[in-house]
Amino acid sequence: MYEEKPETEFEEEPEGEYIRLPLPNKNNNEMFAIADRLMGGSRINVICADGKSRMARIPGRIKRKQRVRAGDLVIIKPWDIQNGKADIIFRYRRTQAMVLSRRKLLPEAINVF
């Protein structure tokens, strides 16, 4: 299955290098969300940019490499069948989330950084 890569934004490193940050792809129905509380069983409750609260799955590729905690900024993709559920696509680190906030790329509904 072919997945399109999300749009990207540049983040400046202290040494002067630039790192690309993925952004939600509106064509794939992706959006920003804030992790609210862990539910167990690789599930987490998220508050999305559209104001809805959804149950999101943490896929194994994210779960094995990094930990998703309450308060993290993530990119989610809501399910087509059940709008109350979603999949997590990407998790931002705290500094990456602050860079997005400073550049005014986060919606006001979830901008807590």
PDB file of N, CA and C in Angstrom:
ATOM      1  N   MET A   1       0.839  -1.169   0.000  1.00  0.00           N
ATOM      2  CA  MET A   1       0.000   0.000   0.000  1.00  0.00           C
ATOM      3  C   MET A   1       0.886   1.235   0.000  1.00  0.00           C
ATOM      4  N   TYR A   2       0.623   2.135  -0.899  1.00  0.00           N
ATOM      5  CA  TYR A   2       1.433   3.343  -1.050  1.00  0.00           C
ATOM      6  C   TYR A   2       0.833   4.457  -0.208  1.00  0.00           C
ATOM      7  N   GLU A   3       1.640   5.069   0.632  1.00  0.00           N
ATOM      8  CA  GLU A   3       1.198   6.203   1.437  1.00  0.00           C
ATOM      9  C   GLU A   3       1.903   7.453   0.947  1.00  0.00           C
ATOM     10  N   GLU A   4       1.132   8.533   0.820  1.00  0.00           N
ATOM     11  CA  GLU A   4       1.746   9.797   0.448  1.00  0.00           C
ATOM     12  C   GLU A   4       2.455  10.370   1.655  1.00  0.00           C
ATOM     13  N   LYS A   5       3.588  11.007   1.430  1.00  0.00           N
ATOM     14  CA  LYS A   5       4.314  11.629   2.530  1.00  0.00           C
ATOM     15  C   LYS A   5       3.615  12.932   2.907  1.00  0.00           C
ATOM     16  N   PRO A   6       3.505  13.224   4.213  1.00  0.00           N
ATOM     17  CA  PRO A   6       2.863  14.474   4.607  1.00  0.00           C
ATOM     18  C   PRO A   6       3.691  15.685   4.212  1.00  0.00           C
ATOM     19  N   GLU A   7       3.011  16.840   4.142  1.00  0.00           N
ATOM     20  CA  GLU A   7       3.719  18.081   3.856  1.00  0.00           C
ATOM     21  C   GLU A   7       4.736  18.321   4.956  1.00  0.00           C
ATOM     22  N   THR A   8       5.734  19.158   4.675  1.00  0.00           N
ATOM     23  CA  THR A   8       6.779  19.362   5.675  1.00  0.00           C
ATOM     24  C   THR A   8       7.017  20.841   5.928  1.00  0.00           C
ATOM     25  N   GLU A   9       7.576  21.129   7.086  1.00  0.00           N
ATOM     26  CA  GLU A   9       7.979  22.466   7.499  1.00  0.00           C
ATOM     27  C   GLU A   9       9.406  22.340   8.018  1.00  0.00           C
ATOM     28  N   PHE A  10      10.197  23.394   7.865  1.00  0.00           N
ATOM     29  CA  PHE A  10      11.584  23.343   8.298  1.00  0.00           C
ATOM     30  C   PHE A  10      11.713  23.822   9.737  1.00  0.00           C
ATOM     31  N   GLU A  11      12.578  23.151  10.501  1.00  0.00           N
ATOM     32  CA  GLU A  11      12.893  23.550  11.870  1.00  0.00           C
ATOM     33  C   GLU A  11      14.382  23.858  11.920  1.00  0.00           C
ATOM     34  N   GLU A  12      14.750  24.973  12.542  1.00  0.00           N
ATOM     35  CA  GLU A  12      16.151  25.350  12.598  1.00  0.00           C
ATOM     36  C   GLU A  12      16.819  24.729  13.816  1.00  0.00           C
ATOM     37  N   GLU A  13      17.918  24.045  13.591  1.00  0.00           N
ATOM     38  CA  GLU A  13      18.720  23.455  14.658  1.00  0.00           C
ATOM     39  C   GLU A  13      19.652  24.520  15.227  1.00  0.00           C
ATOM     40  N   PRO A  14      20.148  24.336  16.449  1.00  0.00           N
ATOM     41  CA  PRO A  14      21.075  25.318  17.012  1.00  0.00           C
ATOM     42  C   PRO A  14      22.338  25.501  16.180  1.00  0.00           C
ATOM     43  N   GLU A  15      22.783  24.464  15.482  1.00  0.00           N
ATOM     44  CA  GLU A  15      23.998  24.569  14.676  1.00  0.00           C
ATOM     45  C   GLU A  15      23.750  25.264  13.350  1.00  0.00           C
ATOM     46  N   GLY A  16      22.504  25.635  13.044  1.00  0.00           N
ATOM     47  CA  GLY A  16      22.207  26.296  11.791  1.00  0.00           C
ATOM     48  C   GLY A  16      21.657  25.350  10.731  1.00  0.00           C
ATOM     49  N   GLU A  17      21.508  24.062  11.047  1.00  0.00           N
ATOM     50  CA  GLU A  17      20.946  23.116  10.088  1.00  0.00           C
ATOM     51  C   GLU A  17      19.426  23.203  10.119  1.00  0.00           C
ATOM     52  N   TYR A  18      18.796  22.742   9.059  1.00  0.00           N
ATOM     53  CA  TYR A  18      17.347  22.715   9.004  1.00  0.00           C
ATOM     54  C   TYR A  18      16.872  21.272   8.952  1.00  0.00           C
ATOM     55  N   ILE A  19      15.817  20.982   9.703  1.00  0.00           N
ATOM     56  CA  ILE A  19      15.220  19.649   9.715  1.00  0.00           C
ATOM     57  C   ILE A  19      13.777  19.803   9.253  1.00  0.00           C
ATOM     58  N   ARG A  20      13.318  18.887   8.430  1.00  0.00           N
ATOM     59  CA  ARG A  20      11.953  18.941   7.939  1.00  0.00           C
ATOM     60  C   ARG A  20      10.997  18.377   8.979  1.00  0.00           C
ATOM     61  N   LEU A  21       9.897  19.090   9.223  1.00  0.00           N
ATOM     62  CA  LEU A  21       8.843  18.634  10.122  1.00  0.00           C
ATOM     63  C   LEU A  21       7.620  18.276   9.287  1.00  0.00           C
ATOM     64  N   PRO A  22       7.077  17.096   9.472  1.00  0.00           N
ATOM     65  CA  PRO A  22       5.864  16.748   8.722  1.00  0.00           C
ATOM     66  C   PRO A  22       4.660  17.555   9.207  1.00  0.00           C
ATOM     67  N   LEU A  23       3.802  17.936   8.278  1.00  0.00           N
ATOM     68  CA  LEU A  23       2.565  18.631   8.576  1.00  0.00           C
ATOM     69  C   LEU A  23       1.403  17.759   8.107  1.00  0.00           C
ATOM     70  N   PRO A  24       0.216  17.930   8.688  1.00  0.00           N
ATOM     71  CA  PRO A  24      -0.937  17.122   8.251  1.00  0.00           C
ATOM     72  C   PRO A  24      -1.299  17.402   6.801  1.00  0.00           C
ATOM     73  N   ASN A  25      -1.591  16.343   6.068  1.00  0.00           N
ATOM     74  CA  ASN A  25      -2.003  16.453   4.678  1.00  0.00           C
ATOM     75  C   ASN A  25      -3.529  16.524   4.640  1.00  0.00           C
ATOM     76  N   LYS A  26      -4.062  17.681   4.302  1.00  0.00           N
ATOM     77  CA  LYS A  26      -5.519  17.885   4.296  1.00  0.00           C
ATOM     78  C   LYS A  26      -6.209  16.995   3.258  1.00  0.00           C
ATOM     79  N   ASN A  27      -5.498  16.621   2.187  1.00  0.00           N
ATOM     80  CA  ASN A  27      -6.096  15.761   1.170  1.00  0.00           C
ATOM     81  C   ASN A  27      -6.338  14.359   1.699  1.00  0.00           C
ATOM     82  N   ASN A  28      -5.520  13.909   2.674  1.00  0.00           N
ATOM     83  CA  ASN A  28      -5.691  12.588   3.278  1.00  0.00           C
ATOM     84  C   ASN A  28      -6.514  12.647   4.554  1.00  0.00           C
ATOM     85  N   ASN A  29      -7.154  13.795   4.824  1.00  0.00           N
ATOM     86  CA  ASN A  29      -8.011  13.969   5.992  1.00  0.00           C
ATOM     87  C   ASN A  29      -7.225  13.886   7.301  1.00  0.00           C
ATOM     88  N   GLU A  30      -5.950  14.289   7.285  1.00  0.00           N
ATOM     89  CA  GLU A  30      -5.136  14.279   8.495  1.00  0.00           C
ATOM     90  C   GLU A  30      -5.268  15.621   9.207  1.00  0.00           C
ATOM     91  N   MET A  31      -5.084  15.614  10.543  1.00  0.00           N
ATOM     92  CA  MET A  31      -5.182  16.849  11.324  1.00  0.00           C
ATOM     93  C   MET A  31      -4.337  16.764  12.584  1.00  0.00           C
ATOM     94  N   PHE A  32      -4.090  17.932  13.183  1.00  0.00           N
ATOM     95  CA  PHE A  32      -3.382  17.990  14.453  1.00  0.00           C
ATOM     96  C   PHE A  32      -4.309  17.537  15.572  1.00  0.00           C
ATOM     97  N   ALA A  33      -3.712  16.980  16.641  1.00  0.00           N
ATOM     98  CA  ALA A  33      -4.465  16.608  17.837  1.00  0.00           C
ATOM     99  C   ALA A  33      -3.524  16.633  19.032  1.00  0.00           C
ATOM    100  N   ILE A  34      -4.112  16.769  20.215  1.00  0.00           N
ATOM    101  CA  ILE A  34      -3.368  16.715  21.475  1.00  0.00           C
ATOM    102  C   ILE A  34      -3.776  15.437  22.195  1.00  0.00           C
ATOM    103  N   ALA A  35      -2.780  14.652  22.615  1.00  0.00           N
ATOM    104  CA  ALA A  35      -3.062  13.431  23.374  1.00  0.00           C
ATOM    105  C   ALA A  35      -3.612  13.829  24.733  1.00  0.00           C
ATOM    106  N   ASP A  36      -4.780  13.271  25.092  1.00  0.00           N
ATOM    107  CA  ASP A  36      -5.451  13.663  26.328  1.00  0.00           C
ATOM    108  C   ASP A  36      -5.160  12.690  27.463  1.00  0.00           C
ATOM    109  N   ARG A  37      -5.515  11.404  27.286  1.00  0.00           N
ATOM    110  CA  ARG A  37      -5.243  10.420  28.335  1.00  0.00           C
ATOM    111  C   ARG A  37      -5.069   9.038  27.734  1.00  0.00           C
ATOM    112  N   LEU A  38      -4.177   8.263  28.344  1.00  0.00           N
ATOM    113  CA  LEU A  38      -3.923   6.896  27.907  1.00  0.00           C
ATOM    114  C   LEU A  38      -5.066   5.996  28.355  1.00  0.00           C
ATOM    115  N   MET A  39      -5.505   5.121  27.452  1.00  0.00           N
ATOM    116  CA  MET A  39      -6.627   4.242  27.756  1.00  0.00           C
ATOM    117  C   MET A  39      -6.191   2.792  27.958  1.00  0.00           C
ATOM    118  N   GLY A  40      -4.967   2.452  27.576  1.00  0.00           N
ATOM    119  CA  GLY A  40      -4.500   1.074  27.670  1.00  0.00           C
ATOM    120  C   GLY A  40      -4.729   0.339  26.371  1.00  0.00           C
ATOM    121  N   GLY A  41      -3.959  -0.702  26.144  1.00  0.00           N
ATOM    122  CA  GLY A  41      -4.130  -1.492  24.933  1.00  0.00           C
ATOM    123  C   GLY A  41      -3.787  -0.730  23.674  1.00  0.00           C
ATOM    124  N   SER A  42      -2.743   0.080  23.705  1.00  0.00           N
ATOM    125  CA  SER A  42      -2.291   0.878  22.556  1.00  0.00           C
ATOM    126  C   SER A  42      -3.351   1.849  22.063  1.00  0.00           C
ATOM    127  N   ARG A  43      -4.150   2.358  22.969  1.00  0.00           N
ATOM    128  CA  ARG A  43      -5.173   3.328  22.635  1.00  0.00           C
ATOM    129  C   ARG A  43      -4.968   4.583  23.482  1.00  0.00           C
ATOM    130  N   ILE A  44      -5.332   5.715  22.911  1.00  0.00           N
ATOM    131  CA  ILE A  44      -5.205   6.990  23.614  1.00  0.00           C
ATOM    132  C   ILE A  44      -6.339   7.900  23.173  1.00  0.00           C
ATOM    133  N   ASN A  45      -6.867   8.658  24.109  1.00  0.00           N
ATOM    134  CA  ASN A  45      -7.921   9.611  23.802  1.00  0.00           C
ATOM    135  C   ASN A  45      -7.258  10.911  23.361  1.00  0.00           C
ATOM    136  N   VAL A  46      -7.679  11.465  22.215  1.00  0.00           N
ATOM    137  CA  VAL A  46      -7.087  12.693  21.683  1.00  0.00           C
ATOM    138  C   VAL A  46      -8.166  13.750  21.480  1.00  0.00           C
ATOM    139  N   ILE A  47      -7.761  15.006  21.593  1.00  0.00           N
ATOM    140  CA  ILE A  47      -8.638  16.137  21.294  1.00  0.00           C
ATOM    141  C   ILE A  47      -8.148  16.729  19.984  1.00  0.00           C
ATOM    142  N   CYS A  48      -8.985  16.707  18.974  1.00  0.00           N
ATOM    143  CA  CYS A  48      -8.587  17.062  17.617  1.00  0.00           C
ATOM    144  C   CYS A  48      -8.760  18.553  17.345  1.00  0.00           C
ATOM    145  N   ALA A  49      -8.182  18.999  16.230  1.00  0.00           N
ATOM    146  CA  ALA A  49      -8.246  20.399  15.829  1.00  0.00           C
ATOM    147  C   ALA A  49      -9.670  20.823  15.494  1.00  0.00           C
ATOM    148  N   ASP A  50     -10.538  19.880  15.125  1.00  0.00           N
ATOM    149  CA  ASP A  50     -11.924  20.230  14.816  1.00  0.00           C
ATOM    150  C   ASP A  50     -12.809  20.259  16.062  1.00  0.00           C
ATOM    151  N   GLY A  51     -12.215  20.066  17.247  1.00  0.00           N
ATOM    152  CA  GLY A  51     -12.951  20.166  18.501  1.00  0.00           C
ATOM    153  C   GLY A  51     -13.520  18.861  19.014  1.00  0.00           C
ATOM    154  N   LYS A  52     -13.412  17.785  18.252  1.00  0.00           N
ATOM    155  CA  LYS A  52     -13.962  16.497  18.670  1.00  0.00           C
ATOM    156  C   LYS A  52     -12.935  15.716  19.486  1.00  0.00           C
ATOM    157  N   SER A  53     -13.440  14.836  20.336  1.00  0.00           N
ATOM    158  CA  SER A  53     -12.595  13.926  21.097  1.00  0.00           C
ATOM    159  C   SER A  53     -12.707  12.552  20.452  1.00  0.00           C
ATOM    160  N   ARG A  54     -11.568  11.951  20.134  1.00  0.00           N
ATOM    161  CA  ARG A  54     -11.564  10.660  19.445  1.00  0.00           C
ATOM    162  C   ARG A  54     -10.676   9.657  20.171  1.00  0.00           C
ATOM    163  N   MET A  55     -10.968   8.381  19.972  1.00  0.00           N
ATOM    164  CA  MET A  55     -10.126   7.298  20.450  1.00  0.00           C
ATOM    165  C   MET A  55      -9.137   6.966  19.330  1.00  0.00           C
ATOM    166  N   ALA A  56      -7.844   7.073  19.610  1.00  0.00           N
ATOM    167  CA  ALA A  56      -6.830   6.866  18.570  1.00  0.00           C
ATOM    168  C   ALA A  56      -5.989   5.639  18.900  1.00  0.00           C
ATOM    169  N   ARG A  57      -5.620   4.911  17.858  1.00  0.00           N
ATOM    170  CA  ARG A  57      -4.722   3.761  17.999  1.00  0.00           C
ATOM    171  C   ARG A  57      -3.291   4.221  17.832  1.00  0.00           C
ATOM    172  N   ILE A  58      -2.400   3.629  18.642  1.00  0.00           N
ATOM    173  CA  ILE A  58      -0.966   3.878  18.493  1.00  0.00           C
ATOM    174  C   ILE A  58      -0.391   2.698  17.724  1.00  0.00           C
ATOM    175  N   PRO A  59       0.045   2.893  16.479  1.00  0.00           N
ATOM    176  CA  PRO A  59       0.561   1.755  15.708  1.00  0.00           C
ATOM    177  C   PRO A  59       1.894   1.259  16.266  1.00  0.00           C
ATOM    178  N   GLY A  60       2.241   0.040  15.944  1.00  0.00           N
ATOM    179  CA  GLY A  60       3.456  -0.578  16.459  1.00  0.00           C
ATOM    180  C   GLY A  60       4.719   0.140  16.054  1.00  0.00           C
ATOM    181  N   ARG A  61       4.752   0.737  14.864  1.00  0.00           N
ATOM    182  CA  ARG A  61       5.957   1.429  14.414  1.00  0.00           C
ATOM    183  C   ARG A  61       6.248   2.650  15.277  1.00  0.00           C
ATOM    184  N   ILE A  62       5.221   3.276  15.846  1.00  0.00           N
ATOM    185  CA  ILE A  62       5.424   4.395  16.757  1.00  0.00           C
ATOM    186  C   ILE A  62       5.631   3.882  18.180  1.00  0.00           C
ATOM    187  N   LYS A  63       4.863   2.872  18.566  1.00  0.00           N
ATOM    188  CA  LYS A  63       4.909   2.362  19.934  1.00  0.00           C
ATOM    189  C   LYS A  63       6.270   1.774  20.282  1.00  0.00           C
ATOM    190  N   ARG A  64       6.918   1.140  19.322  1.00  0.00           N
ATOM    191  CA  ARG A  64       8.214   0.505  19.587  1.00  0.00           C
ATOM    192  C   ARG A  64       9.353   1.514  19.690  1.00  0.00           C
ATOM    193  N   LYS A  65       9.272   2.620  18.945  1.00  0.00           N
ATOM    194  CA  LYS A  65      10.385   3.564  18.878  1.00  0.00           C
ATOM    195  C   LYS A  65      10.265   4.729  19.840  1.00  0.00           C
ATOM    196  N   GLN A  66       9.055   5.183  20.118  1.00  0.00           N
ATOM    197  CA  GLN A  66       8.876   6.344  20.972  1.00  0.00           C
ATOM    198  C   GLN A  66       7.581   6.204  21.750  1.00  0.00           C
ATOM    199  N   ARG A  67       7.507   6.895  22.855  1.00  0.00           N
ATOM    200  CA  ARG A  67       6.348   6.790  23.730  1.00  0.00           C
ATOM    201  C   ARG A  67       5.428   7.992  23.513  1.00  0.00           C
ATOM    202  N   VAL A  68       4.135   7.722  23.365  1.00  0.00           N
ATOM    203  CA  VAL A  68       3.143   8.772  23.245  1.00  0.00           C
ATOM    204  C   VAL A  68       2.538   8.981  24.631  1.00  0.00           C
ATOM    205  N   ARG A  69       2.651  10.209  25.146  1.00  0.00           N
ATOM    206  CA  ARG A  69       2.155  10.525  26.482  1.00  0.00           C
ATOM    207  C   ARG A  69       1.092  11.615  26.407  1.00  0.00           C
ATOM    208  N   ALA A  70       0.376  11.792  27.499  1.00  0.00           N
ATOM    209  CA  ALA A  70      -0.642  12.838  27.563  1.00  0.00           C
ATOM    210  C   ALA A  70       0.034  14.193  27.401  1.00  0.00           C
ATOM    211  N   GLY A  71      -0.547  15.045  26.589  1.00  0.00           N
ATOM    212  CA  GLY A  71      -0.004  16.373  26.335  1.00  0.00           C
ATOM    213  C   GLY A  71       0.833  16.459  25.077  1.00  0.00           C
ATOM    214  N   ASP A  72       1.110  15.346  24.412  1.00  0.00           N
ATOM    215  CA  ASP A  72       1.913  15.356  23.187  1.00  0.00           C
ATOM    216  C   ASP A  72       1.082  15.839  22.001  1.00  0.00           C
ATOM    217  N   LEU A  73       1.733  16.530  21.081  1.00  0.00           N
ATOM    218  CA  LEU A  73       1.114  16.945  19.828  1.00  0.00           C
ATOM    219  C   LEU A  73       1.312  15.831  18.807  1.00  0.00           C
ATOM    220  N   VAL A  74       0.240  15.399  18.160  1.00  0.00           N
ATOM    221  CA  VAL A  74       0.305  14.304  17.193  1.00  0.00           C
ATOM    222  C   VAL A  74      -0.466  14.685  15.931  1.00  0.00           C
ATOM    223  N   ILE A  75      -0.197  13.946  14.860  1.00  0.00           N
ATOM    224  CA  ILE A  75      -0.998  14.021  13.641  1.00  0.00           C
ATOM    225  C   ILE A  75      -1.852  12.763  13.619  1.00  0.00           C
ATOM    226  N   ILE A  76      -3.154  12.927  13.420  1.00  0.00           N
ATOM    227  CA  ILE A  76      -4.054  11.772  13.367  1.00  0.00           C
ATOM    228  C   ILE A  76      -4.782  11.744  12.026  1.00  0.00           C
ATOM    229  N   LYS A  77      -5.300  10.564  11.726  1.00  0.00           N
ATOM    230  CA  LYS A  77      -6.135  10.389  10.545  1.00  0.00           C
ATOM    231  C   LYS A  77      -7.419   9.698  10.993  1.00  0.00           C
ATOM    232  N   PRO A  78      -8.566  10.419  11.010  1.00  0.00           N
ATOM    233  CA  PRO A  78      -9.825   9.803  11.422  1.00  0.00           C
ATOM    234  C   PRO A  78     -10.231   8.674  10.478  1.00  0.00           C
ATOM    235  N   TRP A  79     -10.908   7.679  11.045  1.00  0.00           N
ATOM    236  CA  TRP A  79     -11.381   6.554  10.240  1.00  0.00           C
ATOM    237  C   TRP A  79     -12.532   7.009   9.350  1.00  0.00           C
ATOM    238  N   ASP A  80     -12.649   6.376   8.191  1.00  0.00           N
ATOM    239  CA  ASP A  80     -13.757   6.672   7.293  1.00  0.00           C
ATOM    240  C   ASP A  80     -15.062   6.063   7.819  1.00  0.00           C
ATOM    241  N   ILE A  81     -14.963   4.892   8.439  1.00  0.00           N
ATOM    242  CA  ILE A  81     -16.152   4.163   8.875  1.00  0.00           C
ATOM    243  C   ILE A  81     -16.723   4.750  10.156  1.00  0.00           C
ATOM    244  N   GLN A  82     -15.880   4.891  11.188  1.00  0.00           N
ATOM    245  CA  GLN A  82     -16.315   5.435  12.470  1.00  0.00           C
ATOM    246  C   GLN A  82     -15.575   6.743  12.718  1.00  0.00           C
ATOM    247  N   ASN A  83     -16.300   7.828  12.751  1.00  0.00           N
ATOM    248  CA  ASN A  83     -15.669   9.132  12.895  1.00  0.00           C
ATOM    249  C   ASN A  83     -15.124   9.354  14.309  1.00  0.00           C
ATOM    250  N   GLY A  84     -15.535   8.548  15.278  1.00  0.00           N
ATOM    251  CA  GLY A  84     -15.073   8.699  16.653  1.00  0.00           C
ATOM    252  C   GLY A  84     -13.751   8.010  16.921  1.00  0.00           C
ATOM    253  N   LYS A  85     -13.153   7.384  15.906  1.00  0.00           N
ATOM    254  CA  LYS A  85     -11.879   6.690  16.069  1.00  0.00           C
ATOM    255  C   LYS A  85     -10.874   7.213  15.045  1.00  0.00           C
ATOM    256  N   ALA A  86      -9.583   7.016  15.357  1.00  0.00           N
ATOM    257  CA  ALA A  86      -8.536   7.544  14.474  1.00  0.00           C
ATOM    258  C   ALA A  86      -7.260   6.730  14.632  1.00  0.00           C
ATOM    259  N   ASP A  87      -6.321   6.953  13.730  1.00  0.00           N
ATOM    260  CA  ASP A  87      -4.983   6.362  13.807  1.00  0.00           C
ATOM    261  C   ASP A  87      -3.978   7.489  13.981  1.00  0.00           C
ATOM    262  N   ILE A  88      -2.950   7.250  14.797  1.00  0.00           N
ATOM    263  CA  ILE A  88      -1.888   8.232  14.968  1.00  0.00           C
ATOM    264  C   ILE A  88      -0.870   8.032  13.849  1.00  0.00           C
ATOM    265  N   ILE A  89      -0.528   9.119  13.161  1.00  0.00           N
ATOM    266  CA  ILE A  89       0.405   9.076  12.043  1.00  0.00           C
ATOM    267  C   ILE A  89       1.810   9.481  12.485  1.00  0.00           C
ATOM    268  N   PHE A  90       1.896  10.527  13.325  1.00  0.00           N
ATOM    269  CA  PHE A  90       3.208  11.081  13.708  1.00  0.00           C
ATOM    270  C   PHE A  90       3.097  11.739  15.070  1.00  0.00           C
ATOM    271  N   ARG A  91       4.169  11.670  15.876  1.00  0.00           N
ATOM    272  CA  ARG A  91       4.234  12.354  17.166  1.00  0.00           C
ATOM    273  C   ARG A  91       5.354  13.376  17.131  1.00  0.00           C
ATOM    274  N   TYR A  92       5.056  14.608  17.552  1.00  0.00           N
ATOM    275  CA  TYR A  92       6.059  15.664  17.624  1.00  0.00           C
ATOM    276  C   TYR A  92       6.728  15.649  18.987  1.00  0.00           C
ATOM    277  N   ARG A  93       8.017  15.996  19.013  1.00  0.00           N
ATOM    278  CA  ARG A  93       8.694  16.231  20.286  1.00  0.00           C
ATOM    279  C   ARG A  93       8.287  17.605  20.796  1.00  0.00           C
ATOM    280  N   ARG A  94       8.571  17.897  22.058  1.00  0.00           N
ATOM    281  CA  ARG A  94       8.155  19.163  22.681  1.00  0.00           C
ATOM    282  C   ARG A  94       8.736  20.373  21.938  1.00  0.00           C
ATOM    283  N   THR A  95      10.023  20.312  21.575  1.00  0.00           N
ATOM    284  CA  THR A  95      10.649  21.448  20.888  1.00  0.00           C
ATOM    285  C   THR A  95      10.058  21.641  19.486  1.00  0.00           C
ATOM    286  N   GLN A  96       9.733  20.549  18.814  1.00  0.00           N
ATOM    287  CA  GLN A  96       9.122  20.649  17.493  1.00  0.00           C
ATOM    288  C   GLN A  96       7.746  21.299  17.591  1.00  0.00           C
ATOM    289  N   ALA A  97       6.985  20.927  18.622  1.00  0.00           N
ATOM    290  CA  ALA A  97       5.653  21.507  18.815  1.00  0.00           C
ATOM    291  C   ALA A  97       5.756  23.003  19.108  1.00  0.00           C
ATOM    292  N   MET A  98       6.767  23.405  19.867  1.00  0.00           N
ATOM    293  CA  MET A  98       6.936  24.829  20.168  1.00  0.00           C
ATOM    294  C   MET A  98       7.317  25.616  18.918  1.00  0.00           C
ATOM    295  N   VAL A  99       8.102  25.009  18.028  1.00  0.00           N
ATOM    296  CA  VAL A  99       8.459  25.671  16.760  1.00  0.00           C
ATOM    297  C   VAL A  99       7.215  25.872  15.906  1.00  0.00           C
ATOM    298  N   LEU A 100       6.358  24.860  15.825  1.00  0.00           N
ATOM    299  CA  LEU A 100       5.116  24.987  15.055  1.00  0.00           C
ATOM    300  C   LEU A 100       4.213  26.064  15.665  1.00  0.00           C
ATOM    301  N   SER A 101       4.183  26.139  16.986  1.00  0.00           N
ATOM    302  CA  SER A 101       3.366  27.136  17.663  1.00  0.00           C
ATOM    303  C   SER A 101       3.888  28.547  17.391  1.00  0.00           C
ATOM    304  N   ARG A 102       5.195  28.730  17.445  1.00  0.00           N
ATOM    305  CA  ARG A 102       5.789  30.041  17.191  1.00  0.00           C
ATOM    306  C   ARG A 102       5.536  30.513  15.766  1.00  0.00           C
ATOM    307  N   ARG A 103       5.502  29.573  14.837  1.00  0.00           N
ATOM    308  CA  ARG A 103       5.267  29.918  13.428  1.00  0.00           C
ATOM    309  C   ARG A 103       3.787  30.004  13.083  1.00  0.00           C
ATOM    310  N   LYS A 104       2.935  29.889  14.085  1.00  0.00           N
ATOM    311  CA  LYS A 104       1.479  30.009  13.925  1.00  0.00           C
ATOM    312  C   LYS A 104       0.910  28.966  12.957  1.00  0.00           C
ATOM    313  N   LEU A 105       1.438  27.743  13.017  1.00  0.00           N
ATOM    314  CA  LEU A 105       0.941  26.667  12.159  1.00  0.00           C
ATOM    315  C   LEU A 105      -0.084  25.793  12.876  1.00  0.00           C
ATOM    316  N   LEU A 106      -0.221  25.957  14.201  1.00  0.00           N
ATOM    317  CA  LEU A 106      -1.184  25.170  14.969  1.00  0.00           C
ATOM    318  C   LEU A 106      -2.513  25.913  15.056  1.00  0.00           C
ATOM    319  N   PRO A 107      -3.634  25.187  14.981  1.00  0.00           N
ATOM    320  CA  PRO A 107      -4.938  25.841  15.173  1.00  0.00           C
ATOM    321  C   PRO A 107      -5.066  26.355  16.620  1.00  0.00           C
ATOM    322  N   GLU A 108      -5.802  27.423  16.811  1.00  0.00           N
ATOM    323  CA  GLU A 108      -5.958  28.007  18.142  1.00  0.00           C
ATOM    324  C   GLU A 108      -6.649  27.059  19.110  1.00  0.00           C
ATOM    325  N   ALA A 109      -7.457  26.137  18.613  1.00  0.00           N
ATOM    326  CA  ALA A 109      -8.186  25.216  19.488  1.00  0.00           C
ATOM    327  C   ALA A 109      -7.263  24.294  20.277  1.00  0.00           C
ATOM    328  N   ILE A 110      -6.104  23.960  19.701  1.00  0.00           N
ATOM    329  CA  ILE A 110      -5.194  23.020  20.375  1.00  0.00           C
ATOM    330  C   ILE A 110      -3.816  23.603  20.655  1.00  0.00           C
ATOM    331  N   ASN A 111      -3.656  24.908  20.494  1.00  0.00           N
ATOM    332  CA  ASN A 111      -2.348  25.525  20.700  1.00  0.00           C
ATOM    333  C   ASN A 111      -2.116  25.730  22.196  1.00  0.00           C
ATOM    334  N   VAL A 112      -1.475  24.757  22.848  1.00  0.00           N
ATOM    335  CA  VAL A 112      -1.174  24.845  24.282  1.00  0.00           C
ATOM    336  C   VAL A 112       0.323  25.010  24.501  1.00  0.00           C
ATOM    337  N   PHE A 113       1.075  25.232  23.439  1.00  0.00           N
ATOM    338  CA  PHE A 113       2.525  25.337  23.557  1.00  0.00           C
ATOM    339  C   PHE A 113       2.881  26.785  23.482  1.00  0.00           C
TER     340      PHE A 113
END
